[in-house]
């Protein structure tokens, strides 16, 4: 069984790791390999921590929540998998078997935190208009607290009472809670893409946006081939610009 002290330390470590991911950007402690190393130290089983962390590091490579999209939380999954595996003496395979569903389960907490933090964003916008710098700083701190609560508390409960406690708790919630979180999760990527387009010169490069949409919607291409096509198009465009500039300079020098 995991002690109260270990559960608290794991909850603090999970909170620190999520803040490193969402806010501070200190040293990528949110990556499964590093957070697994920390969890292994707390649980007194560093080899298991590195094994689980390294495996989930490979599983999470290339995943990122661009535009507000929600991805599995391999950070907290690594911590919980190591904690339960080390405390029960289970094998490496058993720790992974616990971690994978936990990573998917924690997507609900990610959407919940992003949805809740929009309240602070609107308040921060109002304080910016009013010139309230102190209030703006408070909104940042409250936003940090949201990430801490939505990661630290579930990790503590899962470690101290077992992952089954979290599952039972979620099963006891009414369906409308999950429906609301699911709806918010579907809106987040749309909102994120809209914000990205707002900050980019979308009108100038609108033909490229149309090409990307056609490739995704009508040819069912995934992100990687579309990105490679985009790189090739940009490469060709830049080469043509350089050739045009070289030809123009050469022509001007001959006229001179």
Protein backbone atom coordinates (compact mmCIF):
# COMPACT_ATOMS: atom_id res chain seq x y z
CA UNK A 1 0.00 0.00 0.00
CA UNK A 2 1.16 3.53 -0.75
CA UNK A 3 1.67 5.62 2.37
CA UNK A 4 0.07 8.99 2.98
CA UNK A 5 3.46 10.72 2.70
CA UNK A 6 4.24 9.06 -0.62
CA UNK A 7 0.79 9.91 -1.97
CA UNK A 8 1.23 13.57 -1.02
CA UNK A 9 4.71 13.68 -2.57
CA UNK A 10 3.41 12.09 -5.77
CA UNK A 11 0.54 14.60 -5.89
CA UNK A 12 3.00 17.49 -5.42
CA UNK A 13 5.27 16.01 -8.09
CA UNK A 14 2.33 15.66 -10.52
CA UNK A 15 1.33 19.27 -9.84
CA UNK A 16 4.87 20.48 -10.46
CA UNK A 17 5.11 18.49 -13.69
CA UNK A 18 1.82 19.83 -15.07
CA UNK A 19 2.86 23.39 -14.25
CA UNK A 20 6.15 22.74 -16.04
CA UNK A 21 4.10 21.67 -19.06
CA UNK A 22 1.44 24.38 -19.00
CA UNK A 23 3.19 27.36 -17.41
CA UNK A 24 6.81 27.49 -16.30
CA UNK A 25 8.67 25.46 -18.98
CA UNK A 26 11.62 24.73 -16.69
CA UNK A 27 13.16 21.52 -18.00
CA UNK A 28 10.48 19.29 -19.57
CA UNK A 29 9.76 17.52 -16.27
CA UNK A 30 6.34 16.74 -17.71
CA UNK A 31 7.87 14.23 -20.13
CA UNK A 32 7.15 10.65 -19.00
CA UNK A 33 10.84 9.74 -18.77
CA UNK A 34 11.69 12.57 -16.37
CA UNK A 35 8.48 12.48 -14.35
CA UNK A 36 8.85 8.68 -14.16
CA UNK A 37 12.35 9.11 -12.75
CA UNK A 38 10.96 11.41 -10.05
CA UNK A 39 8.13 9.03 -9.24
CA UNK A 40 10.63 6.17 -9.05
CA UNK A 41 12.67 8.10 -6.49
CA UNK A 42 9.57 8.74 -4.35
CA UNK A 43 8.49 5.09 -4.53
CA UNK A 44 12.03 3.76 -4.03
CA UNK A 45 12.05 1.92 -7.36
CA UNK A 46 14.05 3.96 -9.87
CA UNK A 47 14.50 1.10 -12.40
CA UNK A 48 10.71 0.67 -12.66
CA UNK A 49 10.32 4.44 -12.95
CA UNK A 50 12.74 4.59 -15.86
CA UNK A 51 11.21 1.53 -17.53
CA UNK A 52 7.63 2.80 -17.37
CA UNK A 53 8.66 6.38 -18.13
CA UNK A 54 10.79 5.36 -21.10
CA UNK A 55 8.05 3.20 -22.57
CA UNK A 56 5.38 5.88 -22.24
CA UNK A 57 7.87 8.45 -23.56
CA UNK A 58 7.94 6.51 -26.82
CA UNK A 59 4.14 6.27 -26.81
CA UNK A 60 3.74 10.02 -26.31
CA UNK A 61 6.34 11.26 -28.78
CA UNK A 62 4.81 13.53 -31.39
CA UNK A 63 1.63 14.11 -29.38
CA UNK A 64 0.79 17.69 -28.49
CA UNK A 65 -2.46 19.52 -27.78
CA UNK A 66 -2.27 21.99 -30.65
CA UNK A 67 -5.23 24.33 -30.88
CA UNK A 68 -6.70 23.12 -27.61
CA UNK A 69 -6.98 19.48 -28.71
CA UNK A 70 -6.91 17.00 -25.83
CA UNK A 71 -4.37 14.19 -25.76
CA UNK A 72 -3.82 11.37 -23.25
CA UNK A 73 -2.13 12.56 -20.08
CA UNK A 74 0.95 10.33 -20.06
CA UNK A 75 2.53 12.45 -17.32
CA UNK A 76 0.05 11.56 -14.59
CA UNK A 77 -0.39 8.08 -16.07
CA UNK A 78 3.33 7.45 -15.63
CA UNK A 79 3.25 8.58 -12.01
CA UNK A 80 0.19 6.50 -11.10
CA UNK A 81 1.41 3.42 -12.99
CA UNK A 82 4.77 3.51 -11.22
CA UNK A 83 3.16 4.14 -7.83
CA UNK A 84 0.75 1.24 -8.06
CA UNK A 85 3.31 -1.06 -9.68
CA UNK A 86 5.97 -0.37 -7.04
CA UNK A 87 3.57 -0.60 -4.09
CA UNK A 88 2.03 -3.91 -5.16
CA UNK A 89 5.22 -5.50 -6.47
CA UNK A 90 3.58 -5.91 -9.86
CA UNK A 91 5.56 -6.46 -13.03
CA UNK A 92 6.51 -3.83 -15.55
CA UNK A 93 3.73 -5.04 -17.84
CA UNK A 94 1.17 -4.59 -15.08
CA UNK A 95 2.34 -1.02 -14.43
CA UNK A 96 1.91 -0.22 -18.14
CA UNK A 97 -1.51 -1.89 -18.11
CA UNK A 98 -2.54 0.50 -15.33
CA UNK A 99 -0.96 3.58 -16.92
CA UNK A 100 -2.55 3.41 -20.38
CA UNK A 101 -6.22 3.61 -19.30
CA UNK A 102 -5.29 6.26 -16.71
CA UNK A 103 -3.79 8.39 -19.50
CA UNK A 104 -7.10 8.27 -21.36
CA UNK A 105 -9.10 8.83 -18.18
CA UNK A 106 -7.21 12.03 -17.37
CA UNK A 107 -8.32 13.64 -20.64
CA UNK A 108 -11.52 14.53 -18.78
CA UNK A 109 -9.53 16.49 -16.21
CA UNK A 110 -7.62 18.27 -18.97
CA UNK A 111 -10.81 19.45 -20.67
CA UNK A 112 -12.27 20.41 -17.29
CA UNK A 113 -9.23 22.57 -16.49
CA UNK A 114 -9.18 24.30 -19.88
CA UNK A 115 -12.91 24.98 -19.71
CA UNK A 116 -12.71 26.34 -16.16
CA UNK A 117 -9.72 28.56 -16.96
CA UNK A 118 -11.67 30.42 -19.64
CA UNK A 119 -13.42 32.19 -16.77
CA UNK A 120 -10.09 33.63 -15.63
CA UNK A 121 -9.21 34.61 -19.20
CA UNK A 122 -12.36 36.71 -19.53
CA UNK A 123 -11.71 38.33 -16.17
CA UNK A 124 -8.10 39.01 -17.19
CA UNK A 125 -9.30 40.70 -20.40
CA UNK A 126 -11.52 42.99 -18.35
CA UNK A 127 -8.68 43.82 -15.96
CA UNK A 128 -6.41 44.63 -18.90
CA UNK A 129 -8.97 47.15 -20.13
CA UNK A 130 -9.11 48.65 -16.64
CA UNK A 131 -5.32 48.68 -16.23
CA UNK A 132 -5.53 46.45 -13.15
CA UNK A 133 -2.07 44.82 -13.24
CA UNK A 134 -2.36 43.32 -9.75
CA UNK A 135 -5.68 41.71 -10.67
CA UNK A 136 -4.18 40.35 -13.87
CA UNK A 137 -1.41 38.68 -11.87
CA UNK A 138 -4.03 37.14 -9.58
CA UNK A 139 -5.79 35.62 -12.57
CA UNK A 140 -2.53 33.95 -13.60
CA UNK A 141 -2.15 32.48 -10.12
CA UNK A 142 -5.74 31.21 -10.08
CA UNK A 143 -5.09 29.59 -13.46
CA UNK A 144 -2.08 27.80 -12.00
CA UNK A 145 -4.26 26.57 -9.14
CA UNK A 146 -6.71 25.01 -11.59
CA UNK A 147 -3.98 22.85 -13.14
CA UNK A 148 -2.71 21.87 -9.68
CA UNK A 149 -6.15 20.81 -8.45
CA UNK A 150 -7.11 18.87 -11.59
CA UNK A 151 -3.87 16.87 -11.47
CA UNK A 152 -2.68 16.80 -7.86
CA UNK A 153 -6.01 15.79 -6.30
CA UNK A 154 -6.79 12.88 -8.69
CA UNK A 155 -3.22 11.60 -8.45
CA UNK A 156 -3.38 11.67 -4.63
CA UNK A 157 -6.73 9.85 -4.59
CA UNK A 158 -5.60 7.28 -7.14
CA UNK A 159 -2.36 6.58 -5.28
CA UNK A 160 -3.73 6.53 -1.74
CA UNK A 161 -7.04 4.77 -2.40
CA UNK A 162 -6.13 2.95 -5.62
CA UNK A 163 -7.00 3.64 -9.25
CA UNK A 164 -10.30 1.85 -8.73
CA UNK A 165 -11.42 4.72 -6.52
CA UNK A 166 -11.13 7.18 -9.41
CA UNK A 167 -13.02 4.81 -11.70
CA UNK A 168 -15.78 4.34 -9.14
CA UNK A 169 -16.01 8.08 -8.58
CA UNK A 170 -16.38 8.77 -12.29
CA UNK A 171 -18.93 5.99 -12.69
CA UNK A 172 -21.03 7.58 -9.96
CA UNK A 173 -21.26 10.91 -11.79
CA UNK A 174 -24.37 11.61 -13.90
CA UNK A 175 -24.12 11.28 -17.67
CA UNK A 176 -24.71 14.99 -18.27
CA UNK A 177 -21.33 15.74 -16.69
CA UNK A 178 -19.51 13.64 -19.28
CA UNK A 179 -21.72 14.98 -22.07
CA UNK A 180 -20.77 18.53 -21.12
CA UNK A 181 -17.07 17.73 -20.89
CA UNK A 182 -17.21 15.88 -24.21
CA UNK A 183 -18.92 18.83 -25.90
CA UNK A 184 -16.34 21.23 -24.49
CA UNK A 185 -13.54 18.95 -25.64
CA UNK A 186 -14.89 19.03 -29.21
CA UNK A 187 -15.13 22.81 -29.16
CA UNK A 188 -11.60 23.37 -27.85
CA UNK A 189 -9.78 22.39 -31.08
CA UNK A 190 -12.12 24.58 -33.15
CA UNK A 191 -11.50 27.52 -30.82
CA UNK A 192 -7.76 26.90 -30.91
CA UNK A 193 -7.65 26.79 -34.71
CA UNK A 194 -9.70 30.00 -34.88
CA UNK A 195 -7.27 31.75 -32.53
CA UNK A 196 -4.31 30.55 -34.58
CA UNK A 197 -5.87 31.79 -37.81
CA UNK A 198 -6.63 35.11 -36.15
CA UNK A 199 -2.95 35.61 -35.29
CA UNK A 200 -1.72 34.54 -38.74
CA UNK A 201 -1.96 36.41 -42.07
CA UNK A 202 -4.74 34.04 -43.14
CA UNK A 203 -6.20 36.35 -45.81
CA UNK A 204 -2.88 36.61 -47.58
CA UNK A 205 -2.32 32.85 -47.64
CA UNK A 206 -5.94 31.71 -47.90
CA UNK A 207 -5.27 29.53 -51.01
CA UNK A 208 -2.90 27.40 -48.90
CA UNK A 209 -5.61 26.97 -46.25
CA UNK A 210 -8.02 25.78 -48.95
CA UNK A 211 -5.43 23.28 -50.23
CA UNK A 212 -4.89 21.94 -46.71
CA UNK A 213 -8.62 21.59 -46.15
CA UNK A 214 -9.09 19.70 -49.43
CA UNK A 215 -6.23 17.31 -48.64
CA UNK A 216 -7.69 16.56 -45.19
CA UNK A 217 -11.42 16.49 -46.00
CA UNK A 218 -11.50 14.93 -49.48
CA UNK A 219 -8.29 12.88 -49.63
CA UNK A 220 -8.34 11.81 -45.95
CA UNK A 221 -4.65 12.56 -45.48
CA UNK A 222 -3.30 12.75 -41.95
CA UNK A 223 -1.29 15.58 -40.43
CA UNK A 224 2.16 14.29 -41.40
CA UNK A 225 1.66 13.99 -45.20
CA UNK A 226 -0.15 17.35 -45.29
CA UNK A 227 2.74 18.94 -43.37
CA UNK A 228 5.27 17.38 -45.77
CA UNK A 229 3.33 18.66 -48.77
CA UNK A 230 3.27 22.10 -47.13
CA UNK A 231 7.04 22.00 -46.61
CA UNK A 232 7.56 21.03 -50.26
CA UNK A 233 5.29 23.83 -51.51
CA UNK A 234 7.07 26.42 -49.33
CA UNK A 235 10.45 25.10 -50.46
CA UNK A 236 9.51 25.40 -54.13
CA UNK A 237 8.03 28.86 -53.57
CA UNK A 238 11.17 30.12 -51.84
CA UNK A 239 13.40 28.64 -54.54
CA UNK A 240 11.35 30.41 -57.21
CA UNK A 241 11.64 33.68 -55.29
CA UNK A 242 15.42 33.35 -55.07
CA UNK A 243 15.70 32.51 -58.77
CA UNK A 244 13.52 35.49 -59.67
CA UNK A 245 15.55 37.80 -57.44
CA UNK A 246 18.82 36.49 -58.92
CA UNK A 247 17.54 36.97 -62.47
CA UNK A 248 16.36 40.49 -61.67
CA UNK A 249 19.69 41.46 -60.11
CA UNK A 250 21.59 39.99 -63.07
CA UNK A 251 19.41 41.88 -65.53
CA UNK A 252 19.86 45.14 -63.63
CA UNK A 253 23.64 44.72 -63.60
CA UNK A 254 23.70 44.15 -67.36
CA UNK A 255 21.61 47.28 -67.96
CA UNK A 256 23.99 49.26 -65.83
